[in-house]
Amino acid sequence: MRYKIHMHVLAAQDAFFLARRTRKDSPHTTAAYQRDLAGVNTLLAETLHSPVEDLTVSDLTGANLRLAFGLFADTHAKSSVLRAWSTWNQFLTFCVAEDLIAGNPMGAVARPKTPPLVPKPLRGEDTPEQLLTAAAEGARKARDPWPERDVLVIALGLVAGLRSAEMRTLTLASIVGREGDRRLHVKGKGNRDRSVPIEPPMERIVEAYLKSCRQRFPQGRFDRDSALLRDRHGEPIGRGGLEYLVKSCFRWAGLNDRVPTGANLHALRHTFATRLAEDGASASEIMALLGHASLATSQNYIEATARERRAAVASNRTYRALRDM
């Protein structure tokens, strides 16, 4: 059998994404795969002293990939390295199936262990409420203050548990149901759709935001397919813009020290899940509301909450007296 070893890597990757179209990956998933492939492509090219455009599938050897992934690991977190390893493993499995290479060389690249999920909720019992209050009062001194949008974004994390990509794919049609019984239809990770109930206070936040949108953009489109969250120009808000919005809300509210390192927007989602666990929700309920792929992921919040409660009890001063007896 003759393998197409002279096919360019970029062409093979284009074929990989074309083959995945039937899987209907979300735009967020596709973008993540593209970043993972492009990042290692660049390091492969540097290692081989060759332009990325000239790389061929014959360059995808175990030795070359080990070097490239070693460089990748130097500048990325373990979770990012694990995700990139998985992306490249899928791509190279595709290459084997298409007779582009004889075997998958990722077996020669050490796969990082999956890091255990450690929930990173906001610290402080009343921090979520302080954050919402500060946002509602216009604490964020942006160039063009928009407190209605700030409150909505924070609430989507704290009372609906949405991820960044899920917020950005919301449309006006995502809000379904009758008044008093409304839900958010969320396009989740891995194309797992879910429905998240929203209570009347959240409905009022949405209505206040939409009213502010119509005032800001009187000529704007507000049909069912229009993006719910917008930037200050009336365009769908981008990933960076959304992250900056949340980070600056923390900063202007004076709550930066309550945010776990590296969490930011995701800390809102973890706070939602942690409070569900604290209030007695089961793992299956948390799984359904947050769109987890695995029940074990949801169980982590319950176990983390139980550990924190035990630690709080153990720190009781009376226990210290008992230990001394």
Protein backbone atom coordinates (compact mmCIF):
# COMPACT_ATOMS: atom_id res chain seq x y z
CA MET A 1 0.00 0.00 0.00
CA ARG A 2 1.28 3.45 -0.91
CA TYR A 3 0.75 6.21 1.62
CA LYS A 4 0.29 9.85 0.63
CA ILE A 5 3.29 10.95 2.65
CA HIS A 6 3.89 14.04 0.51
CA MET A 7 0.48 15.54 1.28
CA HIS A 8 0.81 18.86 3.07
CA VAL A 9 -0.18 18.91 6.74
CA LEU A 10 -2.48 21.92 6.24
CA ALA A 11 -4.30 20.10 3.42
CA ALA A 12 -4.69 17.02 5.61
CA GLN A 13 -6.12 19.18 8.39
CA ASP A 14 -8.58 20.79 5.99
CA ALA A 15 -9.70 17.27 5.02
CA PHE A 16 -10.01 16.38 8.72
CA PHE A 17 -12.41 19.28 9.37
CA LEU A 18 -14.37 18.49 6.20
CA ALA A 19 -14.84 14.90 7.42
CA ARG A 20 -16.07 16.18 10.80
CA ARG A 21 -18.86 18.28 9.28
CA THR A 22 -21.34 15.43 9.73
CA ARG A 23 -20.63 15.51 13.47
CA LYS A 24 -22.00 19.08 13.60
CA ASP A 25 -19.39 20.31 16.04
CA SER A 26 -20.20 23.62 17.67
CA PRO A 27 -18.26 26.67 16.38
CA HIS A 28 -16.52 26.79 19.78
CA THR A 29 -15.34 23.17 19.45
CA THR A 30 -14.12 23.72 15.89
CA ALA A 31 -12.24 26.87 16.89
CA ALA A 32 -10.59 25.01 19.80
CA TYR A 33 -9.48 22.18 17.47
CA GLN A 34 -8.09 24.72 15.01
CA ARG A 35 -6.10 26.47 17.75
CA ASP A 36 -4.70 23.16 19.00
CA LEU A 37 -3.59 22.08 15.53
CA ALA A 38 -2.21 25.50 14.58
CA GLY A 39 -0.25 25.87 17.81
CA VAL A 40 1.60 22.59 17.37
CA ASN A 41 1.98 23.22 13.60
CA THR A 42 3.96 26.36 14.42
CA LEU A 43 6.23 24.53 16.85
CA LEU A 44 6.76 21.67 14.40
CA ALA A 45 7.79 24.19 11.77
CA GLU A 46 10.22 25.85 14.20
CA THR A 47 11.68 22.48 15.15
CA LEU A 48 12.19 21.50 11.50
CA HIS A 49 13.26 25.02 10.38
CA SER A 50 10.55 24.95 7.73
CA PRO A 51 7.55 27.15 6.90
CA VAL A 52 4.27 25.72 8.17
CA GLU A 53 2.98 25.65 4.59
CA ASP A 54 5.76 23.24 3.59
CA LEU A 55 5.14 20.64 6.32
CA THR A 56 4.03 17.27 4.96
CA VAL A 57 2.49 14.32 6.73
CA SER A 58 5.87 12.57 6.49
CA ASP A 59 7.09 15.13 9.04
CA LEU A 60 4.55 13.88 11.58
CA THR A 61 6.84 11.40 13.27
CA GLY A 62 6.85 10.45 16.92
CA ALA A 63 10.21 12.15 17.47
CA ASN A 64 9.13 15.42 15.84
CA LEU A 65 5.82 15.51 17.68
CA ARG A 66 7.55 14.79 21.00
CA LEU A 67 9.75 17.84 20.49
CA ALA A 68 6.84 20.04 19.43
CA PHE A 69 4.64 18.96 22.34
CA GLY A 70 7.53 19.49 24.75
CA LEU A 71 7.74 23.11 23.61
CA PHE A 72 3.94 23.40 23.75
CA ALA A 73 3.93 22.14 27.34
CA ASP A 74 6.46 24.81 28.35
CA THR A 75 3.95 27.59 27.70
CA HIS A 76 0.56 25.96 28.35
CA ALA A 77 -1.34 24.57 31.33
CA LYS A 78 -1.66 20.80 31.77
CA SER A 79 -5.35 20.93 30.76
CA SER A 80 -4.43 22.73 27.51
CA VAL A 81 -1.71 20.19 26.72
CA LEU A 82 -4.16 17.35 27.37
CA ARG A 83 -6.75 18.92 25.05
CA ALA A 84 -4.14 19.49 22.31
CA TRP A 85 -2.93 15.88 22.69
CA SER A 86 -6.51 14.66 22.22
CA THR A 87 -7.04 16.88 19.16
CA TRP A 88 -3.85 15.66 17.50
CA ASN A 89 -4.66 12.07 18.36
CA GLN A 90 -8.02 12.42 16.58
CA PHE A 91 -6.41 14.15 13.60
CA LEU A 92 -3.73 11.49 13.22
CA THR A 93 -6.26 8.68 13.66
CA PHE A 94 -8.06 10.27 10.71
CA CYS A 95 -4.77 10.32 8.76
CA VAL A 96 -4.32 6.59 9.36
CA ALA A 97 -7.92 5.89 8.23
CA GLU A 98 -7.32 7.92 5.06
CA ASP A 99 -4.06 6.07 4.30
CA LEU A 100 -2.02 9.23 4.69
CA ILE A 101 0.32 7.60 7.23
CA ALA A 102 0.98 4.02 8.30
CA GLY A 103 0.30 4.45 12.01
CA ASN A 104 -0.61 7.01 14.65
CA PRO A 105 2.62 8.48 16.09
CA MET A 106 0.88 9.97 19.15
CA GLY A 107 1.69 6.77 21.01
CA ALA A 108 5.24 8.13 21.21
CA VAL A 109 4.07 11.37 22.83
CA ALA A 110 3.41 11.14 26.56
CA ARG A 111 -0.23 11.90 27.32
CA PRO A 112 -0.73 14.13 30.38
CA LYS A 113 -2.89 12.69 33.12
CA THR A 114 -6.36 14.14 33.29
CA PRO A 115 -6.25 16.74 36.07
CA PRO A 116 -8.99 16.22 38.65
CA LEU A 117 -11.76 18.79 38.57
CA VAL A 118 -11.35 21.18 41.46
CA PRO A 119 -14.38 23.49 41.67
CA LYS A 120 -13.38 27.16 41.73
CA PRO A 121 -16.38 29.10 43.03
CA LEU A 122 -16.13 32.70 44.16
CA ARG A 123 -14.79 32.99 47.70
CA GLY A 124 -16.99 34.58 50.34
CA GLU A 125 -20.59 33.73 51.20
CA ASP A 126 -22.07 37.01 49.94
CA THR A 127 -19.65 37.67 47.05
CA PRO A 128 -22.17 36.84 44.28
CA GLU A 129 -24.70 39.26 45.72
CA GLN A 130 -22.05 41.98 46.14
CA LEU A 131 -20.99 41.52 42.53
CA LEU A 132 -24.55 41.78 41.20
CA THR A 133 -25.28 44.86 43.32
CA ALA A 134 -22.11 46.62 42.17
CA ALA A 135 -22.90 45.84 38.52
CA ALA A 136 -26.49 47.08 38.88
CA GLU A 137 -25.24 50.34 40.41
CA GLY A 138 -22.94 50.92 37.46
CA ALA A 139 -19.70 50.31 39.33
CA ARG A 140 -17.88 49.33 36.13
CA LYS A 141 -16.43 52.59 34.82
CA ALA A 142 -16.29 51.57 31.19
CA ARG A 143 -15.98 54.00 28.29
CA ASP A 144 -19.65 53.37 27.57
CA PRO A 145 -21.30 52.07 30.79
CA TRP A 146 -24.00 49.48 30.24
CA PRO A 147 -25.11 48.14 33.66
CA GLU A 148 -28.11 46.25 32.21
CA ARG A 149 -25.76 44.10 30.14
CA ASP A 150 -23.25 43.66 32.98
CA VAL A 151 -25.99 42.38 35.31
CA LEU A 152 -27.35 40.01 32.66
CA VAL A 153 -23.93 38.47 31.91
CA ILE A 154 -23.15 37.93 35.60
CA ALA A 155 -26.63 36.50 36.23
CA LEU A 156 -26.31 34.09 33.28
CA GLY A 157 -23.30 32.63 35.08
CA LEU A 158 -24.59 32.75 38.64
CA VAL A 159 -28.19 31.54 38.19
CA ALA A 160 -28.00 29.63 34.90
CA GLY A 161 -24.43 28.28 35.02
CA LEU A 162 -23.59 29.14 31.42
CA ARG A 163 -20.14 28.80 29.89
CA SER A 164 -18.64 31.65 27.84
CA ALA A 165 -19.38 29.97 24.50
CA GLU A 166 -22.94 29.18 25.60
CA MET A 167 -23.57 32.82 26.46
CA ARG A 168 -22.24 33.95 23.10
CA THR A 169 -24.46 31.56 21.13
CA LEU A 170 -27.67 32.66 22.86
CA THR A 171 -30.21 34.27 20.55
CA LEU A 172 -33.57 35.90 21.25
CA ALA A 173 -35.12 32.55 20.29
CA SER A 174 -33.16 30.91 23.13
CA ILE A 175 -35.68 32.37 25.61
CA VAL A 176 -38.68 30.07 25.46
CA GLY A 177 -41.89 29.48 27.41
CA ARG A 178 -44.69 31.61 28.84
CA GLU A 179 -44.19 34.48 31.25
CA GLY A 180 -43.51 33.08 34.71
CA ASP A 181 -42.42 29.74 33.23
CA ARG A 182 -39.57 30.74 30.96
CA ARG A 183 -36.45 28.72 30.18
CA LEU A 184 -33.18 29.21 28.39
CA HIS A 185 -32.54 26.81 25.54
CA VAL A 186 -28.76 26.39 25.65
CA LYS A 187 -26.54 24.92 22.94
CA GLY A 188 -23.97 23.24 25.12
CA LYS A 189 -20.54 21.72 24.85
CA GLY A 190 -20.35 18.70 22.56
CA ASN A 191 -23.66 19.74 20.94
CA ARG A 192 -25.55 18.74 24.08
CA ASP A 193 -28.62 20.96 24.24
CA ARG A 194 -30.26 21.63 27.57
CA SER A 195 -33.04 23.70 29.07
CA VAL A 196 -32.38 25.88 32.14
CA PRO A 197 -35.41 27.31 34.00
CA ILE A 198 -35.27 31.02 34.80
CA GLU A 199 -37.35 32.65 37.51
CA PRO A 200 -39.26 35.98 37.26
CA PRO A 201 -36.36 38.08 38.65
CA MET A 202 -34.16 36.81 35.81
CA GLU A 203 -36.95 37.49 33.32
CA ARG A 204 -36.98 41.12 34.49
CA ILE A 205 -33.21 41.36 34.03
CA VAL A 206 -33.55 40.07 30.46
CA GLU A 207 -36.38 42.51 29.70
CA ALA A 208 -34.42 45.46 31.12
CA TYR A 209 -31.43 44.49 28.99
CA LEU A 210 -33.50 44.14 25.80
CA LYS A 211 -35.12 47.52 26.46
CA SER A 212 -31.66 49.07 26.80
CA CYS A 213 -30.61 47.40 23.52
CA ARG A 214 -33.52 48.95 21.62
CA GLN A 215 -32.70 52.35 23.05
CA ARG A 216 -29.03 52.05 22.12
CA PHE A 217 -29.56 50.56 18.68
CA PRO A 218 -32.91 51.87 17.35
CA GLN A 219 -32.02 50.65 13.85
CA GLY A 220 -30.74 47.28 15.03
CA ARG A 221 -32.15 43.86 14.19
CA PHE A 222 -34.08 42.15 16.96
CA ASP A 223 -35.46 39.04 15.27
CA ARG A 224 -35.42 35.53 16.71
CA ASP A 225 -32.00 34.68 15.26
CA SER A 226 -30.31 37.83 16.58
CA ALA A 227 -27.54 37.38 19.16
CA LEU A 228 -28.74 38.11 22.68
CA LEU A 229 -25.45 39.53 23.99
CA ARG A 230 -23.99 42.45 22.06
CA ASP A 231 -20.94 44.66 22.19
CA ARG A 232 -21.13 48.45 22.36
CA HIS A 233 -21.48 48.63 18.57
CA GLY A 234 -24.52 46.35 18.56
CA GLU A 235 -22.59 43.37 17.14
CA PRO A 236 -22.53 39.92 18.78
CA ILE A 237 -20.08 40.09 21.67
CA GLY A 238 -16.81 38.24 21.15
CA ARG A 239 -14.97 35.86 23.44
CA GLY A 240 -12.37 38.44 24.49
CA GLY A 241 -14.97 41.14 25.03
CA LEU A 242 -17.02 38.89 27.28
CA GLU A 243 -14.01 37.86 29.36
CA TYR A 244 -12.91 41.48 29.72
CA LEU A 245 -16.42 42.51 30.79
CA VAL A 246 -16.49 39.98 33.65
CA LYS A 247 -12.91 40.66 34.77
CA SER A 248 -13.54 44.41 34.90
CA CYS A 249 -16.78 43.83 36.87
CA PHE A 250 -14.74 41.99 39.52
CA ARG A 251 -12.15 44.76 39.55
CA TRP A 252 -14.56 47.69 39.83
CA ALA A 253 -16.58 45.88 42.51
CA GLY A 254 -13.37 45.48 44.54
CA LEU A 255 -13.71 41.69 44.53
CA ASN A 256 -10.58 40.61 42.67
CA ASP A 257 -9.29 38.82 45.76
CA ARG A 258 -12.42 36.65 45.85
CA VAL A 259 -11.81 35.15 42.38
CA PRO A 260 -9.80 31.90 42.13
CA THR A 261 -6.75 32.18 39.90
CA GLY A 262 -7.58 31.59 36.24
CA ALA A 263 -11.31 31.23 36.79
CA ASN A 264 -12.98 34.63 36.08
CA LEU A 265 -16.16 33.94 34.08
CA HIS A 266 -16.00 30.23 34.83
CA ALA A 267 -16.00 31.04 38.56
CA LEU A 268 -19.61 32.19 38.11
CA ARG A 269 -20.57 28.78 36.70
CA HIS A 270 -18.70 26.98 39.49
CA THR A 271 -20.50 29.14 42.06
CA PHE A 272 -23.85 28.14 40.53
CA ALA A 273 -22.95 24.45 40.72
CA THR A 274 -21.51 24.70 44.23
CA ARG A 275 -24.61 26.44 45.56
CA LEU A 276 -26.78 23.77 43.96
CA ALA A 277 -24.76 21.12 45.80
CA GLU A 278 -24.92 23.05 49.07
CA ASP A 279 -28.69 23.32 48.76
CA GLY A 280 -29.08 19.56 48.32
CA ALA A 281 -29.26 19.08 44.53
CA SER A 282 -28.38 15.58 43.37
CA ALA A 283 -25.54 14.84 40.97
CA SER A 284 -28.05 14.05 38.20
CA GLU A 285 -29.79 17.41 38.71
CA ILE A 286 -26.46 19.26 38.58
CA MET A 287 -25.53 17.28 35.48
CA ALA A 288 -28.76 18.26 33.71
CA LEU A 289 -28.56 21.94 34.63
CA LEU A 290 -24.88 22.40 33.77
CA GLY A 291 -24.74 20.13 30.73
CA HIS A 292 -21.98 17.87 32.02
CA ALA A 293 -21.06 14.89 29.88
CA SER A 294 -20.30 12.74 32.92
CA LEU A 295 -22.12 12.21 36.19
CA ALA A 296 -18.69 11.99 37.86
CA THR A 297 -18.03 15.65 36.97
CA SER A 298 -21.24 16.70 38.71
CA GLN A 299 -20.46 14.47 41.70
CA ASN A 300 -17.22 16.43 42.20
CA TYR A 301 -19.22 19.47 43.32
CA ILE A 302 -21.08 17.44 45.92
CA GLU A 303 -17.86 15.86 47.21
CA ALA A 304 -16.07 19.23 47.29
CA THR A 305 -18.94 20.75 49.24
CA ALA A 306 -18.87 17.87 51.72
CA ARG A 307 -15.10 18.33 52.21
CA GLU A 308 -15.54 22.05 52.86
CA ARG A 309 -18.27 21.38 55.42
CA ARG A 310 -16.08 18.85 57.22
CA ALA A 311 -13.16 21.30 57.20
CA ALA A 312 -15.41 24.00 58.66
CA VAL A 313 -16.53 21.67 61.44
CA ALA A 314 -12.96 20.58 62.13
CA SER A 315 -11.88 24.20 62.58
CA ASN A 316 -14.38 24.71 65.40
CA ARG A 317 -12.53 26.00 68.52
CA THR A 318 -14.29 23.44 70.69
CA TYR A 319 -12.65 20.66 68.68
CA ARG A 320 -9.27 22.19 69.50
CA ALA A 321 -10.17 21.97 73.19
CA LEU A 322 -11.23 18.35 72.79
CA ARG A 323 -7.90 17.51 71.13
CA ASP A 324 -6.06 18.92 74.13
CA MET A 325 -8.02 16.81 76.63
